[in-house]
Amino acid sequence: MDIQINNSCDDPIYLQIKNQIKAQIISGKLVVGEQLPSIRFLAKELRISMLTAKRAFDELEMDGFINSVQGKGNFVAPQNKELIREEYLKEIESMLQKSVELSEIADISIEELINMLKSYVEGNYE
């Protein structure tokens, strides 16, 4: 498992860890049933507080991405396809919102924005 902490990022460390693990689960890099490193090990490797690592794991468990087994550790949970779809939809909506805001600043019409999106989907945009 590869996790990179960026100290210049606005996101808190626990959220960076959570998002990176979640992305690895969604992408299939971490598979169902795979054991994650212990909280202690992760904290030591990343040189962070155990409380920070625990918070990331607790939130991943609350979101349904991992299961915690007392005395055994944390494991990648079977994924609900609808949950994964919702995660992607949230990300897409966020990016679309940012695109709309930028297009308003740049005085780009909705038609131009739609054409740009179509071009990207069709692979014709350079």
N, C-alpha and C. Protein backbone atom coordinates (compact mmCIF):
# COMPACT_ATOMS: atom_id res chain seq x y z
N MET A 1 0.85 -1.18 0.00
CA MET A 1 0.00 0.00 0.00
C MET A 1 0.89 1.23 0.00
N ASP A 2 0.59 2.13 -0.90
CA ASP A 2 1.40 3.33 -1.07
C ASP A 2 0.60 4.55 -0.64
N ILE A 3 1.09 5.24 0.39
CA ILE A 3 0.43 6.46 0.87
C ILE A 3 1.48 7.56 0.96
N GLN A 4 1.14 8.70 0.39
CA GLN A 4 2.03 9.86 0.41
C GLN A 4 1.36 10.99 1.17
N ILE A 5 2.02 11.52 2.16
CA ILE A 5 1.51 12.66 2.92
C ILE A 5 2.11 13.93 2.35
N ASN A 6 1.24 14.88 2.04
CA ASN A 6 1.68 16.16 1.50
C ASN A 6 1.41 17.24 2.55
N ASN A 7 2.47 17.73 3.16
CA ASN A 7 2.32 18.73 4.23
C ASN A 7 1.85 20.08 3.73
N SER A 8 1.98 20.33 2.42
CA SER A 8 1.52 21.61 1.89
C SER A 8 0.06 21.55 1.43
N CYS A 9 -0.55 20.37 1.55
CA CYS A 9 -1.94 20.19 1.17
C CYS A 9 -2.87 20.78 2.24
N ASP A 10 -4.00 21.32 1.81
CA ASP A 10 -4.96 21.89 2.75
C ASP A 10 -5.71 20.82 3.55
N ASP A 11 -5.80 19.59 3.00
CA ASP A 11 -6.52 18.51 3.67
C ASP A 11 -5.73 18.03 4.89
N PRO A 12 -6.44 17.74 5.99
CA PRO A 12 -5.74 17.18 7.16
C PRO A 12 -5.14 15.82 6.81
N ILE A 13 -4.14 15.41 7.56
CA ILE A 13 -3.42 14.17 7.27
C ILE A 13 -4.34 12.96 7.28
N TYR A 14 -5.25 12.88 8.27
CA TYR A 14 -6.14 11.71 8.33
C TYR A 14 -6.97 11.60 7.06
N LEU A 15 -7.39 12.75 6.51
CA LEU A 15 -8.21 12.77 5.31
C LEU A 15 -7.39 12.37 4.08
N GLN A 16 -6.14 12.79 4.03
CA GLN A 16 -5.26 12.37 2.94
C GLN A 16 -5.10 10.85 2.94
N ILE A 17 -4.90 10.28 4.13
CA ILE A 17 -4.76 8.82 4.26
C ILE A 17 -6.05 8.14 3.84
N LYS A 18 -7.16 8.60 4.38
CA LYS A 18 -8.47 8.02 4.06
C LYS A 18 -8.73 8.04 2.56
N ASN A 19 -8.52 9.19 1.94
CA ASN A 19 -8.80 9.34 0.51
C ASN A 19 -7.89 8.46 -0.35
N GLN A 20 -6.64 8.32 0.04
CA GLN A 20 -5.72 7.50 -0.74
C GLN A 20 -6.05 6.02 -0.62
N ILE A 21 -6.40 5.58 0.58
CA ILE A 21 -6.79 4.18 0.76
C ILE A 21 -8.09 3.90 0.00
N LYS A 22 -9.05 4.82 0.12
CA LYS A 22 -10.32 4.66 -0.57
C LYS A 22 -10.10 4.58 -2.08
N ALA A 23 -9.24 5.43 -2.61
CA ALA A 23 -8.95 5.42 -4.05
C ALA A 23 -8.31 4.09 -4.47
N GLN A 24 -7.44 3.55 -3.62
CA GLN A 24 -6.80 2.27 -3.94
C GLN A 24 -7.81 1.12 -3.90
N ILE A 25 -8.79 1.22 -3.02
CA ILE A 25 -9.84 0.19 -2.96
C ILE A 25 -10.74 0.28 -4.18
N ILE A 26 -11.17 1.50 -4.51
CA ILE A 26 -12.06 1.70 -5.66
C ILE A 26 -11.38 1.27 -6.96
N SER A 27 -10.09 1.56 -7.08
CA SER A 27 -9.37 1.22 -8.32
C SER A 27 -9.05 -0.27 -8.42
N GLY A 28 -9.19 -0.99 -7.30
CA GLY A 28 -8.87 -2.42 -7.31
C GLY A 28 -7.44 -2.73 -6.93
N LYS A 29 -6.66 -1.71 -6.63
CA LYS A 29 -5.27 -1.93 -6.20
C LYS A 29 -5.25 -2.69 -4.87
N LEU A 30 -6.21 -2.38 -4.00
CA LEU A 30 -6.42 -3.15 -2.77
C LEU A 30 -7.68 -3.98 -2.99
N VAL A 31 -7.59 -5.28 -2.78
CA VAL A 31 -8.69 -6.19 -3.11
C VAL A 31 -9.44 -6.63 -1.85
N VAL A 32 -10.66 -7.08 -2.06
CA VAL A 32 -11.52 -7.54 -0.98
C VAL A 32 -10.79 -8.60 -0.15
N GLY A 33 -10.81 -8.41 1.16
CA GLY A 33 -10.19 -9.36 2.07
C GLY A 33 -8.73 -9.08 2.37
N GLU A 34 -8.13 -8.18 1.61
CA GLU A 34 -6.72 -7.86 1.83
C GLU A 34 -6.55 -7.15 3.17
N GLN A 35 -5.53 -7.57 3.91
CA GLN A 35 -5.29 -6.95 5.21
C GLN A 35 -4.50 -5.66 5.03
N LEU A 36 -4.93 -4.62 5.73
CA LEU A 36 -4.24 -3.35 5.72
C LEU A 36 -3.17 -3.36 6.81
N PRO A 37 -2.18 -2.49 6.70
CA PRO A 37 -1.19 -2.43 7.78
C PRO A 37 -1.86 -2.02 9.09
N SER A 38 -1.26 -2.40 10.18
CA SER A 38 -1.82 -2.02 11.48
C SER A 38 -1.72 -0.51 11.65
N ILE A 39 -2.55 0.00 12.53
CA ILE A 39 -2.54 1.44 12.83
C ILE A 39 -1.16 1.85 13.34
N ARG A 40 -0.60 1.03 14.21
CA ARG A 40 0.73 1.32 14.78
C ARG A 40 1.79 1.37 13.68
N PHE A 41 1.76 0.36 12.79
CA PHE A 41 2.74 0.30 11.70
C PHE A 41 2.60 1.50 10.77
N LEU A 42 1.35 1.80 10.39
CA LEU A 42 1.10 2.92 9.49
C LEU A 42 1.58 4.24 10.10
N ALA A 43 1.28 4.43 11.38
CA ALA A 43 1.71 5.65 12.07
C ALA A 43 3.23 5.76 12.08
N LYS A 44 3.89 4.65 12.34
CA LYS A 44 5.36 4.65 12.39
C LYS A 44 5.94 4.93 11.01
N GLU A 45 5.40 4.26 9.98
CA GLU A 45 5.90 4.44 8.61
C GLU A 45 5.72 5.87 8.11
N LEU A 46 4.57 6.46 8.42
CA LEU A 46 4.27 7.80 7.93
C LEU A 46 4.74 8.90 8.88
N ARG A 47 5.23 8.46 10.05
CA ARG A 47 5.69 9.39 11.09
C ARG A 47 4.59 10.35 11.51
N ILE A 48 3.46 9.73 11.85
CA ILE A 48 2.29 10.49 12.31
C ILE A 48 1.80 9.89 13.61
N SER A 49 0.87 10.56 14.24
CA SER A 49 0.26 10.07 15.47
C SER A 49 -0.60 8.85 15.20
N MET A 50 -0.64 7.92 16.15
CA MET A 50 -1.52 6.76 16.02
C MET A 50 -2.98 7.22 15.99
N LEU A 51 -3.30 8.30 16.69
CA LEU A 51 -4.67 8.81 16.68
C LEU A 51 -5.08 9.27 15.28
N THR A 52 -4.14 9.85 14.54
CA THR A 52 -4.41 10.29 13.17
C THR A 52 -4.71 9.09 12.29
N ALA A 53 -3.87 8.06 12.38
CA ALA A 53 -4.07 6.85 11.58
C ALA A 53 -5.39 6.18 11.98
N LYS A 54 -5.68 6.13 13.27
CA LYS A 54 -6.91 5.50 13.74
C LYS A 54 -8.13 6.24 13.20
N ARG A 55 -8.08 7.56 13.19
CA ARG A 55 -9.21 8.34 12.67
C ARG A 55 -9.47 8.02 11.20
N ALA A 56 -8.40 7.90 10.41
CA ALA A 56 -8.56 7.55 9.00
C ALA A 56 -9.22 6.18 8.86
N PHE A 57 -8.76 5.20 9.64
CA PHE A 57 -9.32 3.85 9.57
C PHE A 57 -10.75 3.83 10.08
N ASP A 58 -11.04 4.57 11.14
CA ASP A 58 -12.41 4.63 11.67
C ASP A 58 -13.38 5.18 10.62
N GLU A 59 -12.96 6.22 9.92
CA GLU A 59 -13.83 6.81 8.91
C GLU A 59 -14.00 5.88 7.70
N LEU A 60 -12.94 5.18 7.33
CA LEU A 60 -13.06 4.20 6.25
C LEU A 60 -14.03 3.09 6.63
N GLU A 61 -14.00 2.69 7.89
CA GLU A 61 -14.93 1.65 8.35
C GLU A 61 -16.36 2.18 8.36
N MET A 62 -16.55 3.41 8.84
CA MET A 62 -17.89 4.01 8.85
C MET A 62 -18.45 4.13 7.44
N ASP A 63 -17.58 4.40 6.47
CA ASP A 63 -18.00 4.55 5.07
C ASP A 63 -18.17 3.21 4.37
N GLY A 64 -17.82 2.12 5.05
CA GLY A 64 -18.02 0.78 4.48
C GLY A 64 -16.90 0.27 3.59
N PHE A 65 -15.74 0.92 3.64
CA PHE A 65 -14.63 0.49 2.79
C PHE A 65 -13.75 -0.57 3.44
N ILE A 66 -13.71 -0.59 4.77
CA ILE A 66 -12.91 -1.60 5.46
C ILE A 66 -13.71 -2.19 6.62
N ASN A 67 -13.30 -3.38 7.04
CA ASN A 67 -13.86 -4.03 8.22
C ASN A 67 -12.75 -4.18 9.24
N SER A 68 -13.07 -3.92 10.49
CA SER A 68 -12.12 -4.10 11.57
C SER A 68 -12.49 -5.39 12.31
N VAL A 69 -11.51 -6.27 12.48
CA VAL A 69 -11.71 -7.52 13.19
C VAL A 69 -10.86 -7.47 14.45
N GLN A 70 -11.53 -7.48 15.61
CA GLN A 70 -10.84 -7.37 16.89
C GLN A 70 -9.72 -8.40 16.99
N GLY A 71 -8.52 -7.93 17.27
CA GLY A 71 -7.38 -8.81 17.47
C GLY A 71 -6.72 -9.29 16.19
N LYS A 72 -7.32 -8.99 15.04
CA LYS A 72 -6.75 -9.46 13.76
C LYS A 72 -6.32 -8.32 12.85
N GLY A 73 -7.04 -7.21 12.90
CA GLY A 73 -6.66 -6.08 12.07
C GLY A 73 -7.79 -5.54 11.22
N ASN A 74 -7.40 -4.78 10.23
CA ASN A 74 -8.35 -4.14 9.30
C ASN A 74 -8.21 -4.76 7.92
N PHE A 75 -9.36 -5.01 7.30
CA PHE A 75 -9.39 -5.68 6.02
C PHE A 75 -10.29 -4.92 5.04
N VAL A 76 -9.95 -5.02 3.75
CA VAL A 76 -10.78 -4.39 2.71
C VAL A 76 -12.12 -5.11 2.69
N ALA A 77 -13.19 -4.34 2.79
CA ALA A 77 -14.54 -4.89 2.82
C ALA A 77 -15.05 -5.14 1.40
N PRO A 78 -15.98 -6.10 1.27
CA PRO A 78 -16.63 -6.26 -0.04
C PRO A 78 -17.31 -4.94 -0.39
N GLN A 79 -17.18 -4.54 -1.64
CA GLN A 79 -17.67 -3.23 -2.03
C GLN A 79 -19.06 -3.29 -2.65
N ASN A 80 -19.86 -2.38 -2.20
CA ASN A 80 -21.18 -2.18 -2.75
C ASN A 80 -21.00 -1.34 -4.02
N LYS A 81 -21.38 -1.89 -5.16
CA LYS A 81 -21.19 -1.19 -6.44
C LYS A 81 -21.89 0.17 -6.44
N GLU A 82 -23.03 0.25 -5.78
CA GLU A 82 -23.77 1.51 -5.72
C GLU A 82 -22.99 2.54 -4.91
N LEU A 83 -22.33 2.09 -3.83
CA LEU A 83 -21.51 2.99 -3.00
C LEU A 83 -20.35 3.55 -3.82
N ILE A 84 -19.71 2.70 -4.59
CA ILE A 84 -18.59 3.14 -5.42
C ILE A 84 -19.09 4.13 -6.48
N ARG A 85 -20.24 3.82 -7.07
CA ARG A 85 -20.82 4.71 -8.07
C ARG A 85 -21.11 6.09 -7.46
N GLU A 86 -21.64 6.10 -6.26
CA GLU A 86 -21.91 7.37 -5.57
C GLU A 86 -20.64 8.16 -5.32
N GLU A 87 -19.55 7.47 -4.97
CA GLU A 87 -18.27 8.14 -4.75
C GLU A 87 -17.80 8.82 -6.04
N TYR A 88 -17.90 8.09 -7.15
CA TYR A 88 -17.52 8.67 -8.44
C TYR A 88 -18.42 9.84 -8.80
N LEU A 89 -19.72 9.70 -8.57
CA LEU A 89 -20.65 10.78 -8.88
C LEU A 89 -20.33 12.05 -8.09
N LYS A 90 -19.99 11.90 -6.82
CA LYS A 90 -19.63 13.06 -6.00
C LYS A 90 -18.39 13.75 -6.57
N GLU A 91 -17.42 12.96 -6.98
CA GLU A 91 -16.19 13.51 -7.54
C GLU A 91 -16.48 14.24 -8.86
N ILE A 92 -17.28 13.63 -9.72
CA ILE A 92 -17.63 14.23 -11.00
C ILE A 92 -18.40 15.53 -10.79
N GLU A 93 -19.36 15.51 -9.86
CA GLU A 93 -20.14 16.72 -9.58
C GLU A 93 -19.25 17.85 -9.11
N SER A 94 -18.28 17.52 -8.27
CA SER A 94 -17.35 18.53 -7.78
C SER A 94 -16.53 19.14 -8.93
N MET A 95 -16.05 18.27 -9.81
CA MET A 95 -15.27 18.76 -10.95
C MET A 95 -16.13 19.58 -11.92
N LEU A 96 -17.36 19.13 -12.13
CA LEU A 96 -18.27 19.89 -13.00
C LEU A 96 -18.57 21.26 -12.41
N GLN A 97 -18.78 21.31 -11.11
CA GLN A 97 -19.04 22.60 -10.46
C GLN A 97 -17.87 23.55 -10.66
N LYS A 98 -16.67 23.02 -10.49
CA LYS A 98 -15.46 23.84 -10.69
C LYS A 98 -15.38 24.31 -12.15
N SER A 99 -15.72 23.43 -13.09
CA SER A 99 -15.70 23.78 -14.51
C SER A 99 -16.71 24.89 -14.82
N VAL A 100 -17.89 24.79 -14.23
CA VAL A 100 -18.92 25.81 -14.44
C VAL A 100 -18.44 27.15 -13.88
N GLU A 101 -17.86 27.13 -12.69
CA GLU A 101 -17.36 28.37 -12.09
C GLU A 101 -16.29 29.00 -12.97
N LEU A 102 -15.35 28.19 -13.46
CA LEU A 102 -14.29 28.72 -14.32
C LEU A 102 -14.84 29.23 -15.65
N SER A 103 -15.83 28.52 -16.19
CA SER A 103 -16.41 28.96 -17.47
C SER A 103 -17.13 30.30 -17.31
N GLU A 104 -17.76 30.52 -16.16
CA GLU A 104 -18.42 31.80 -15.91
C GLU A 104 -17.39 32.92 -15.83
N ILE A 105 -16.29 32.66 -15.17
CA ILE A 105 -15.22 33.67 -15.06
C ILE A 105 -14.64 34.00 -16.43
N ALA A 106 -14.48 32.95 -17.25
CA ALA A 106 -13.87 33.12 -18.58
C ALA A 106 -14.90 33.49 -19.65
N ASP A 107 -16.15 33.67 -19.24
CA ASP A 107 -17.23 34.02 -20.17
C ASP A 107 -17.36 33.00 -21.31
N ILE A 108 -17.38 31.73 -20.91
CA ILE A 108 -17.56 30.62 -21.86
C ILE A 108 -19.03 30.21 -21.77
N SER A 109 -19.67 30.13 -22.91
CA SER A 109 -21.10 29.79 -22.92
C SER A 109 -21.32 28.32 -22.57
N ILE A 110 -22.56 28.02 -22.20
CA ILE A 110 -22.92 26.63 -21.87
C ILE A 110 -22.73 25.74 -23.09
N GLU A 111 -23.02 26.27 -24.28
CA GLU A 111 -22.84 25.48 -25.51
C GLU A 111 -21.37 25.14 -25.73
N GLU A 112 -20.49 26.12 -25.50
CA GLU A 112 -19.06 25.87 -25.64
C GLU A 112 -18.59 24.84 -24.62
N LEU A 113 -19.10 24.95 -23.40
CA LEU A 113 -18.73 24.02 -22.34
C LEU A 113 -19.19 22.60 -22.68
N ILE A 114 -20.42 22.48 -23.20
CA ILE A 114 -20.95 21.17 -23.60
C ILE A 114 -20.12 20.59 -24.74
N ASN A 115 -19.77 21.43 -25.71
CA ASN A 115 -18.94 20.97 -26.82
C ASN A 115 -17.56 20.50 -26.34
N MET A 116 -16.99 21.21 -25.38
CA MET A 116 -15.70 20.80 -24.82
C MET A 116 -15.83 19.42 -24.17
N LEU A 117 -16.89 19.24 -23.39
CA LEU A 117 -17.11 17.95 -22.72
C LEU A 117 -17.28 16.84 -23.75
N LYS A 118 -18.10 17.09 -24.77
CA LYS A 118 -18.30 16.08 -25.83
C LYS A 118 -16.98 15.73 -26.50
N SER A 119 -16.16 16.74 -26.77
CA SER A 119 -14.87 16.50 -27.40
C SER A 119 -13.98 15.61 -26.53
N TYR A 120 -13.99 15.86 -25.22
CA TYR A 120 -13.18 15.03 -24.31
C TYR A 120 -13.71 13.60 -24.30
N VAL A 121 -15.01 13.45 -24.24
CA VAL A 121 -15.61 12.11 -24.21
C VAL A 121 -15.28 11.34 -25.48
N GLU A 122 -15.33 12.04 -26.61
CA GLU A 122 -15.06 11.42 -27.90
C GLU A 122 -13.57 11.29 -28.21
N GLY A 123 -12.74 11.89 -27.36
CA GLY A 123 -11.27 11.80 -27.56
C GLY A 123 -10.73 12.70 -28.63
N ASN A 124 -11.47 13.75 -28.97
CA ASN A 124 -11.06 14.64 -30.05
C ASN A 124 -10.49 15.97 -29.54
N TYR A 125 -10.20 16.06 -28.25
CA TYR A 125 -9.76 17.34 -27.71
C TYR A 125 -8.26 17.31 -27.48
N GLU A 126 -7.61 18.36 -27.87
CA GLU A 126 -6.16 18.44 -27.69
C GLU A 126 -5.79 19.69 -26.94
